Amino acid sequence: MTPKEKAKDLLEKINNASISNIEWDRCSEYGKNSLKRKAIIVCDEILSLGCTKDVSSIRIYQYYSEVKIKIQHY
């Protein structure tokens, strides 16, 4: 799953329903920002676990850093 797909997946899980482009466009800025804030908290919690020198740990850290960026720009 790409970071962009994961960002959408997290937003939909927090929303408890899929989000179409039409629905997203109709949503208020407050609603969008609220949903994004919650998804960013999830990413921050994962990132707060830190990163070891293990290759898989570095990949996970980089992946969720990218997911967070995609959420912010969604």
PDB file of N, CA and C in Angstrom:
ATOM      1  N   MET A   1       0.855  -1.172   0.000  1.00  0.00           N
ATOM      2  CA  MET A   1       0.000   0.000   0.000  1.00  0.00           C
ATOM      3  C   MET A   1       0.903   1.238   0.000  1.00  0.00           C
ATOM      4  N   THR A   2       0.622   2.146  -0.891  1.00  0.00           N
ATOM      5  CA  THR A   2       1.421   3.372  -0.951  1.00  0.00           C
ATOM      6  C   THR A   2       1.054   4.281   0.235  1.00  0.00           C
ATOM      7  N   PRO A   3       1.921   5.237   0.575  1.00  0.00           N
ATOM      8  CA  PRO A   3       1.569   6.167   1.653  1.00  0.00           C
ATOM      9  C   PRO A   3       0.258   6.914   1.391  1.00  0.00           C
ATOM     10  N   LYS A   4       0.000   7.253   0.129  1.00  0.00           N
ATOM     11  CA  LYS A   4      -1.248   7.946  -0.204  1.00  0.00           C
ATOM     12  C   LYS A   4      -2.458   7.044   0.055  1.00  0.00           C
ATOM     13  N   GLU A   5      -2.352   5.782  -0.326  1.00  0.00           N
ATOM     14  CA  GLU A   5      -3.438   4.828  -0.080  1.00  0.00           C
ATOM     15  C   GLU A   5      -3.638   4.597   1.415  1.00  0.00           C
ATOM     16  N   LYS A   6      -2.525   4.522   2.160  1.00  0.00           N
ATOM     17  CA  LYS A   6      -2.608   4.320   3.606  1.00  0.00           C
ATOM     18  C   LYS A   6      -3.246   5.529   4.275  1.00  0.00           C
ATOM     19  N   ALA A   7      -2.923   6.724   3.805  1.00  0.00           N
ATOM     20  CA  ALA A   7      -3.526   7.945   4.349  1.00  0.00           C
ATOM     21  C   ALA A   7      -5.041   7.891   4.182  1.00  0.00           C
ATOM     22  N   LYS A   8      -5.492   7.539   2.996  1.00  0.00           N
ATOM     23  CA  LYS A   8      -6.942   7.442   2.738  1.00  0.00           C
ATOM     24  C   LYS A   8      -7.553   6.342   3.593  1.00  0.00           C
ATOM     25  N   ASP A   9      -6.855   5.225   3.730  1.00  0.00           N
ATOM     26  CA  ASP A   9      -7.331   4.111   4.541  1.00  0.00           C
ATOM     27  C   ASP A   9      -7.514   4.542   6.006  1.00  0.00           C
ATOM     28  N   LEU A  10      -6.543   5.254   6.558  1.00  0.00           N
ATOM     29  CA  LEU A  10      -6.654   5.735   7.940  1.00  0.00           C
ATOM     30  C   LEU A  10      -7.822   6.710   8.100  1.00  0.00           C
ATOM     31  N   LEU A  11      -7.952   7.633   7.159  1.00  0.00           N
ATOM     32  CA  LEU A  11      -9.059   8.593   7.224  1.00  0.00           C
ATOM     33  C   LEU A  11     -10.407   7.878   7.184  1.00  0.00           C
ATOM     34  N   GLU A  12     -10.512   6.866   6.342  1.00  0.00           N
ATOM     35  CA  GLU A  12     -11.769   6.124   6.238  1.00  0.00           C
ATOM     36  C   GLU A  12     -12.045   5.307   7.491  1.00  0.00           C
ATOM     37  N   LYS A  13     -11.011   4.723   8.089  1.00  0.00           N
ATOM     38  CA  LYS A  13     -11.202   3.945   9.316  1.00  0.00           C
ATOM     39  C   LYS A  13     -11.638   4.853  10.462  1.00  0.00           C
ATOM     40  N   ILE A  14     -11.047   6.021  10.563  1.00  0.00           N
ATOM     41  CA  ILE A  14     -11.432   6.957  11.619  1.00  0.00           C
ATOM     42  C   ILE A  14     -12.843   7.484  11.364  1.00  0.00           C
ATOM     43  N   ASN A  15     -13.175   7.691  10.113  1.00  0.00           N
ATOM     44  CA  ASN A  15     -14.515   8.154   9.726  1.00  0.00           C
ATOM     45  C   ASN A  15     -15.553   7.034   9.872  1.00  0.00           C
ATOM     46  N   ASN A  16     -15.073   5.805   9.934  1.00  0.00           N
ATOM     47  CA  ASN A  16     -15.923   4.618  10.045  1.00  0.00           C
ATOM     48  C   ASN A  16     -16.778   4.404   8.789  1.00  0.00           C
ATOM     49  N   ALA A  17     -16.306   4.925   7.671  1.00  0.00           N
ATOM     50  CA  ALA A  17     -16.981   4.760   6.380  1.00  0.00           C
ATOM     51  C   ALA A  17     -16.035   5.218   5.273  1.00  0.00           C
ATOM     52  N   SER A  18     -16.272   4.724   4.069  1.00  0.00           N
ATOM     53  CA  SER A  18     -15.441   5.167   2.949  1.00  0.00           C
ATOM     54  C   SER A  18     -15.739   6.630   2.629  1.00  0.00           C
ATOM     55  N   ILE A  19     -14.763   7.267   2.037  1.00  0.00           N
ATOM     56  CA  ILE A  19     -14.892   8.695   1.704  1.00  0.00           C
ATOM     57  C   ILE A  19     -14.679   8.853   0.210  1.00  0.00           C
ATOM     58  N   SER A  20     -15.725   9.234  -0.500  1.00  0.00           N
ATOM     59  CA  SER A  20     -15.577   9.495  -1.933  1.00  0.00           C
ATOM     60  C   SER A  20     -15.082  10.929  -2.119  1.00  0.00           C
ATOM     61  N   ASN A  21     -14.582  11.204  -3.303  1.00  0.00           N
ATOM     62  CA  ASN A  21     -14.117  12.561  -3.597  1.00  0.00           C
ATOM     63  C   ASN A  21     -15.260  13.566  -3.483  1.00  0.00           C
ATOM     64  N   ILE A  22     -16.446  13.162  -3.895  1.00  0.00           N
ATOM     65  CA  ILE A  22     -17.611  14.054  -3.826  1.00  0.00           C
ATOM     66  C   ILE A  22     -17.942  14.374  -2.374  1.00  0.00           C
ATOM     67  N   GLU A  23     -17.944  13.332  -1.527  1.00  0.00           N
ATOM     68  CA  GLU A  23     -18.222  13.548  -0.101  1.00  0.00           C
ATOM     69  C   GLU A  23     -17.172  14.435   0.548  1.00  0.00           C
ATOM     70  N   TRP A  24     -15.912  14.206   0.174  1.00  0.00           N
ATOM     71  CA  TRP A  24     -14.823  15.006   0.748  1.00  0.00           C
ATOM     72  C   TRP A  24     -14.981  16.475   0.355  1.00  0.00           C
ATOM     73  N   ASP A  25     -15.335  16.716  -0.901  1.00  0.00           N
ATOM     74  CA  ASP A  25     -15.506  18.088  -1.372  1.00  0.00           C
ATOM     75  C   ASP A  25     -16.674  18.779  -0.676  1.00  0.00           C
ATOM     76  N   ARG A  26     -17.701  18.027  -0.334  1.00  0.00           N
ATOM     77  CA  ARG A  26     -18.880  18.594   0.337  1.00  0.00           C
ATOM     78  C   ARG A  26     -18.670  18.806   1.841  1.00  0.00           C
ATOM     79  N   CYS A  27     -17.683  18.143   2.389  1.00  0.00           N
ATOM     80  CA  CYS A  27     -17.428  18.208   3.830  1.00  0.00           C
ATOM     81  C   CYS A  27     -16.922  19.598   4.221  1.00  0.00           C
ATOM     82  N   SER A  28     -17.316  20.048   5.397  1.00  0.00           N
ATOM     83  CA  SER A  28     -16.857  21.357   5.878  1.00  0.00           C
ATOM     84  C   SER A  28     -15.363  21.297   6.202  1.00  0.00           C
ATOM     85  N   GLU A  29     -14.727  22.448   6.201  1.00  0.00           N
ATOM     86  CA  GLU A  29     -13.302  22.516   6.548  1.00  0.00           C
ATOM     87  C   GLU A  29     -13.078  22.014   7.975  1.00  0.00           C
ATOM     88  N   TYR A  30     -14.017  22.329   8.852  1.00  0.00           N
ATOM     89  CA  TYR A  30     -13.915  21.866  10.232  1.00  0.00           C
ATOM     90  C   TYR A  30     -13.928  20.339  10.282  1.00  0.00           C
ATOM     91  N   GLY A  31     -14.834  19.721   9.541  1.00  0.00           N
ATOM     92  CA  GLY A  31     -14.925  18.264   9.499  1.00  0.00           C
ATOM     93  C   GLY A  31     -13.666  17.630   8.926  1.00  0.00           C
ATOM     94  N   LYS A  32     -13.159  18.207   7.840  1.00  0.00           N
ATOM     95  CA  LYS A  32     -11.931  17.698   7.223  1.00  0.00           C
ATOM     96  C   LYS A  32     -10.760  17.797   8.184  1.00  0.00           C
ATOM     97  N   ASN A  33     -10.619  18.977   8.808  1.00  0.00           N
ATOM     98  CA  ASN A  33      -9.497  19.182   9.722  1.00  0.00           C
ATOM     99  C   ASN A  33      -9.587  18.285  10.946  1.00  0.00           C
ATOM    100  N   SER A  34     -10.794  18.052  11.438  1.00  0.00           N
ATOM    101  CA  SER A  34     -10.992  17.175  12.584  1.00  0.00           C
ATOM    102  C   SER A  34     -10.566  15.745  12.248  1.00  0.00           C
ATOM    103  N   LEU A  35     -10.980  15.277  11.095  1.00  0.00           N
ATOM    104  CA  LEU A  35     -10.626  13.936  10.661  1.00  0.00           C
ATOM    105  C   LEU A  35      -9.118  13.812  10.442  1.00  0.00           C
ATOM    106  N   LYS A  36      -8.527  14.816   9.804  1.00  0.00           N
ATOM    107  CA  LYS A  36      -7.087  14.796   9.561  1.00  0.00           C
ATOM    108  C   LYS A  36      -6.301  14.826  10.870  1.00  0.00           C
ATOM    109  N   ARG A  37      -6.761  15.636  11.840  1.00  0.00           N
ATOM    110  CA  ARG A  37      -6.079  15.704  13.143  1.00  0.00           C
ATOM    111  C   ARG A  37      -6.031  14.334  13.807  1.00  0.00           C
ATOM    112  N   LYS A  38      -7.138  13.627  13.756  1.00  0.00           N
ATOM    113  CA  LYS A  38      -7.205  12.300  14.382  1.00  0.00           C
ATOM    114  C   LYS A  38      -6.269  11.315  13.679  1.00  0.00           C
ATOM    115  N   ALA A  39      -6.221  11.351  12.361  1.00  0.00           N
ATOM    116  CA  ALA A  39      -5.336  10.460  11.606  1.00  0.00           C
ATOM    117  C   ALA A  39      -3.870  10.804  11.866  1.00  0.00           C
ATOM    118  N   ILE A  40      -3.572  12.081  12.020  1.00  0.00           N
ATOM    119  CA  ILE A  40      -2.199  12.502  12.309  1.00  0.00           C
ATOM    120  C   ILE A  40      -1.780  12.032  13.698  1.00  0.00           C
ATOM    121  N   ILE A  41      -2.715  12.012  14.642  1.00  0.00           N
ATOM    122  CA  ILE A  41      -2.412  11.494  15.979  1.00  0.00           C
ATOM    123  C   ILE A  41      -1.988  10.033  15.888  1.00  0.00           C
ATOM    124  N   VAL A  42      -2.676   9.258  15.050  1.00  0.00           N
ATOM    125  CA  VAL A  42      -2.316   7.850  14.861  1.00  0.00           C
ATOM    126  C   VAL A  42      -0.881   7.749  14.333  1.00  0.00           C
ATOM    127  N   CYS A  43      -0.566   8.536  13.322  1.00  0.00           N
ATOM    128  CA  CYS A  43       0.791   8.528  12.759  1.00  0.00           C
ATOM    129  C   CYS A  43       1.816   8.964  13.800  1.00  0.00           C
ATOM    130  N   ASP A  44       1.504  10.007  14.549  1.00  0.00           N
ATOM    131  CA  ASP A  44       2.430  10.489  15.576  1.00  0.00           C
ATOM    132  C   ASP A  44       2.699   9.428  16.637  1.00  0.00           C
ATOM    133  N   GLU A  45       1.665   8.674  17.002  1.00  0.00           N
ATOM    134  CA  GLU A  45       1.847   7.598  17.989  1.00  0.00           C
ATOM    135  C   GLU A  45       2.795   6.528  17.446  1.00  0.00           C
ATOM    136  N   ILE A  46       2.643   6.187  16.189  1.00  0.00           N
ATOM    137  CA  ILE A  46       3.536   5.194  15.577  1.00  0.00           C
ATOM    138  C   ILE A  46       4.951   5.755  15.493  1.00  0.00           C
ATOM    139  N   LEU A  47       5.072   7.011  15.082  1.00  0.00           N
ATOM    140  CA  LEU A  47       6.398   7.629  14.956  1.00  0.00           C
ATOM    141  C   LEU A  47       7.069   7.818  16.319  1.00  0.00           C
ATOM    142  N   SER A  48       6.272   7.989  17.370  1.00  0.00           N
ATOM    143  CA  SER A  48       6.845   8.203  18.703  1.00  0.00           C
ATOM    144  C   SER A  48       7.504   6.940  19.254  1.00  0.00           C
ATOM    145  N   LEU A  49       7.202   5.804  18.633  1.00  0.00           N
ATOM    146  CA  LEU A  49       7.856   4.561  19.057  1.00  0.00           C
ATOM    147  C   LEU A  49       9.343   4.590  18.728  1.00  0.00           C
ATOM    148  N   GLY A  50       9.708   5.504  17.855  1.00  0.00           N
ATOM    149  CA  GLY A  50      11.114   5.692  17.524  1.00  0.00           C
ATOM    150  C   GLY A  50      11.568   4.812  16.383  1.00  0.00           C
ATOM    151  N   CYS A  51      12.827   4.905  16.152  1.00  0.00           N
ATOM    152  CA  CYS A  51      13.433   4.210  15.031  1.00  0.00           C
ATOM    153  C   CYS A  51      14.759   3.625  15.504  1.00  0.00           C
ATOM    154  N   THR A  52      14.943   2.337  15.279  1.00  0.00           N
ATOM    155  CA  THR A  52      16.216   1.709  15.608  1.00  0.00           C
ATOM    156  C   THR A  52      17.052   1.636  14.335  1.00  0.00           C
ATOM    157  N   LYS A  53      18.202   1.032  14.445  1.00  0.00           N
ATOM    158  CA  LYS A  53      19.062   0.903  13.262  1.00  0.00           C
ATOM    159  C   LYS A  53      18.636  -0.257  12.378  1.00  0.00           C
ATOM    160  N   ASP A  54      17.634  -0.989  12.809  1.00  0.00           N
ATOM    161  CA  ASP A  54      17.091  -2.101  12.026  1.00  0.00           C
ATOM    162  C   ASP A  54      16.459  -1.555  10.751  1.00  0.00           C
ATOM    163  N   VAL A  55      16.730  -2.196   9.632  1.00  0.00           N
ATOM    164  CA  VAL A  55      16.240  -1.735   8.325  1.00  0.00           C
ATOM    165  C   VAL A  55      14.718  -1.657   8.298  1.00  0.00           C
ATOM    166  N   SER A  56      14.031  -2.656   8.843  1.00  0.00           N
ATOM    167  CA  SER A  56      12.572  -2.636   8.809  1.00  0.00           C
ATOM    168  C   SER A  56      12.018  -1.506   9.672  1.00  0.00           C
ATOM    169  N   SER A  57      12.672  -1.193  10.775  1.00  0.00           N
ATOM    170  CA  SER A  57      12.250  -0.083  11.632  1.00  0.00           C
ATOM    171  C   SER A  57      12.389   1.254  10.899  1.00  0.00           C
ATOM    172  N   ILE A  58      13.476   1.400  10.186  1.00  0.00           N
ATOM    173  CA  ILE A  58      13.717   2.624   9.411  1.00  0.00           C
ATOM    174  C   ILE A  58      12.658   2.769   8.323  1.00  0.00           C
ATOM    175  N   ARG A  59      12.317   1.671   7.659  1.00  0.00           N
ATOM    176  CA  ARG A  59      11.303   1.700   6.586  1.00  0.00           C
ATOM    177  C   ARG A  59       9.928   2.084   7.143  1.00  0.00           C
ATOM    178  N   ILE A  60       9.576   1.509   8.290  1.00  0.00           N
ATOM    179  CA  ILE A  60       8.280   1.823   8.910  1.00  0.00           C
ATOM    180  C   ILE A  60       8.233   3.291   9.296  1.00  0.00           C
ATOM    181  N   TYR A  61       9.320   3.789   9.882  1.00  0.00           N
ATOM    182  CA  TYR A  61       9.384   5.199  10.284  1.00  0.00           C
ATOM    183  C   TYR A  61       9.235   6.111   9.070  1.00  0.00           C
ATOM    184  N   GLN A  62       9.956   5.811   8.011  1.00  0.00           N
ATOM    185  CA  GLN A  62       9.878   6.621   6.787  1.00  0.00           C
ATOM    186  C   GLN A  62       8.488   6.537   6.163  1.00  0.00           C
ATOM    187  N   TYR A  63       7.918   5.341   6.159  1.00  0.00           N
ATOM    188  CA  TYR A  63       6.598   5.125   5.578  1.00  0.00           C
ATOM    189  C   TYR A  63       5.552   5.976   6.298  1.00  0.00           C
ATOM    190  N   TYR A  64       5.521   5.906   7.628  1.00  0.00           N
ATOM    191  CA  TYR A  64       4.516   6.671   8.363  1.00  0.00           C
ATOM    192  C   TYR A  64       4.804   8.172   8.362  1.00  0.00           C
ATOM    193  N   SER A  65       6.038   8.557   8.166  1.00  0.00           N
ATOM    194  CA  SER A  65       6.351   9.981   7.972  1.00  0.00           C
ATOM    195  C   SER A  65       5.720  10.464   6.670  1.00  0.00           C
ATOM    196  N   GLU A  66       5.812   9.641   5.634  1.00  0.00           N
ATOM    197  CA  GLU A  66       5.193   9.984   4.347  1.00  0.00           C
ATOM    198  C   GLU A  66       3.670   9.958   4.436  1.00  0.00           C
ATOM    199  N   VAL A  67       3.124   8.984   5.169  1.00  0.00           N
ATOM    200  CA  VAL A  67       1.670   8.904   5.351  1.00  0.00           C
ATOM    201  C   VAL A  67       1.172  10.180   6.024  1.00  0.00           C
ATOM    202  N   LYS A  68       1.889  10.626   7.040  1.00  0.00           N
ATOM    203  CA  LYS A  68       1.507  11.846   7.763  1.00  0.00           C
ATOM    204  C   LYS A  68       1.470  13.049   6.816  1.00  0.00           C
ATOM    205  N   ILE A  69       2.452  13.154   5.962  1.00  0.00           N
ATOM    206  CA  ILE A  69       2.506  14.255   4.990  1.00  0.00           C
ATOM    207  C   ILE A  69       1.304  14.174   4.039  1.00  0.00           C
ATOM    208  N   LYS A  70       0.997  12.969   3.575  1.00  0.00           N
ATOM    209  CA  LYS A  70      -0.142  12.789   2.666  1.00  0.00           C
ATOM    210  C   LYS A  70      -1.450  13.179   3.349  1.00  0.00           C
ATOM    211  N   ILE A  71      -1.593  12.856   4.627  1.00  0.00           N
ATOM    212  CA  ILE A  71      -2.795  13.227   5.370  1.00  0.00           C
ATOM    213  C   ILE A  71      -2.894  14.745   5.470  1.00  0.00           C
ATOM    214  N   GLN A  72      -1.790  15.392   5.781  1.00  0.00           N
ATOM    215  CA  GLN A  72      -1.787  16.852   5.924  1.00  0.00           C
ATOM    216  C   GLN A  72      -2.193  17.550   4.631  1.00  0.00           C
ATOM    217  N   HIS A  73      -1.856  16.937   3.501  1.00  0.00           N
ATOM    218  CA  HIS A  73      -2.153  17.554   2.192  1.00  0.00           C
ATOM    219  C   HIS A  73      -3.379  16.950   1.534  1.00  0.00           C
ATOM    220  N   TYR A  74      -4.126  16.125   2.243  1.00  0.00           N
ATOM    221  CA  TYR A  74      -5.300  15.472   1.664  1.00  0.00           C
ATOM    222  C   TYR A  74      -6.399  16.472   1.428  1.00  0.00           C
TER     223      TYR A  74
END
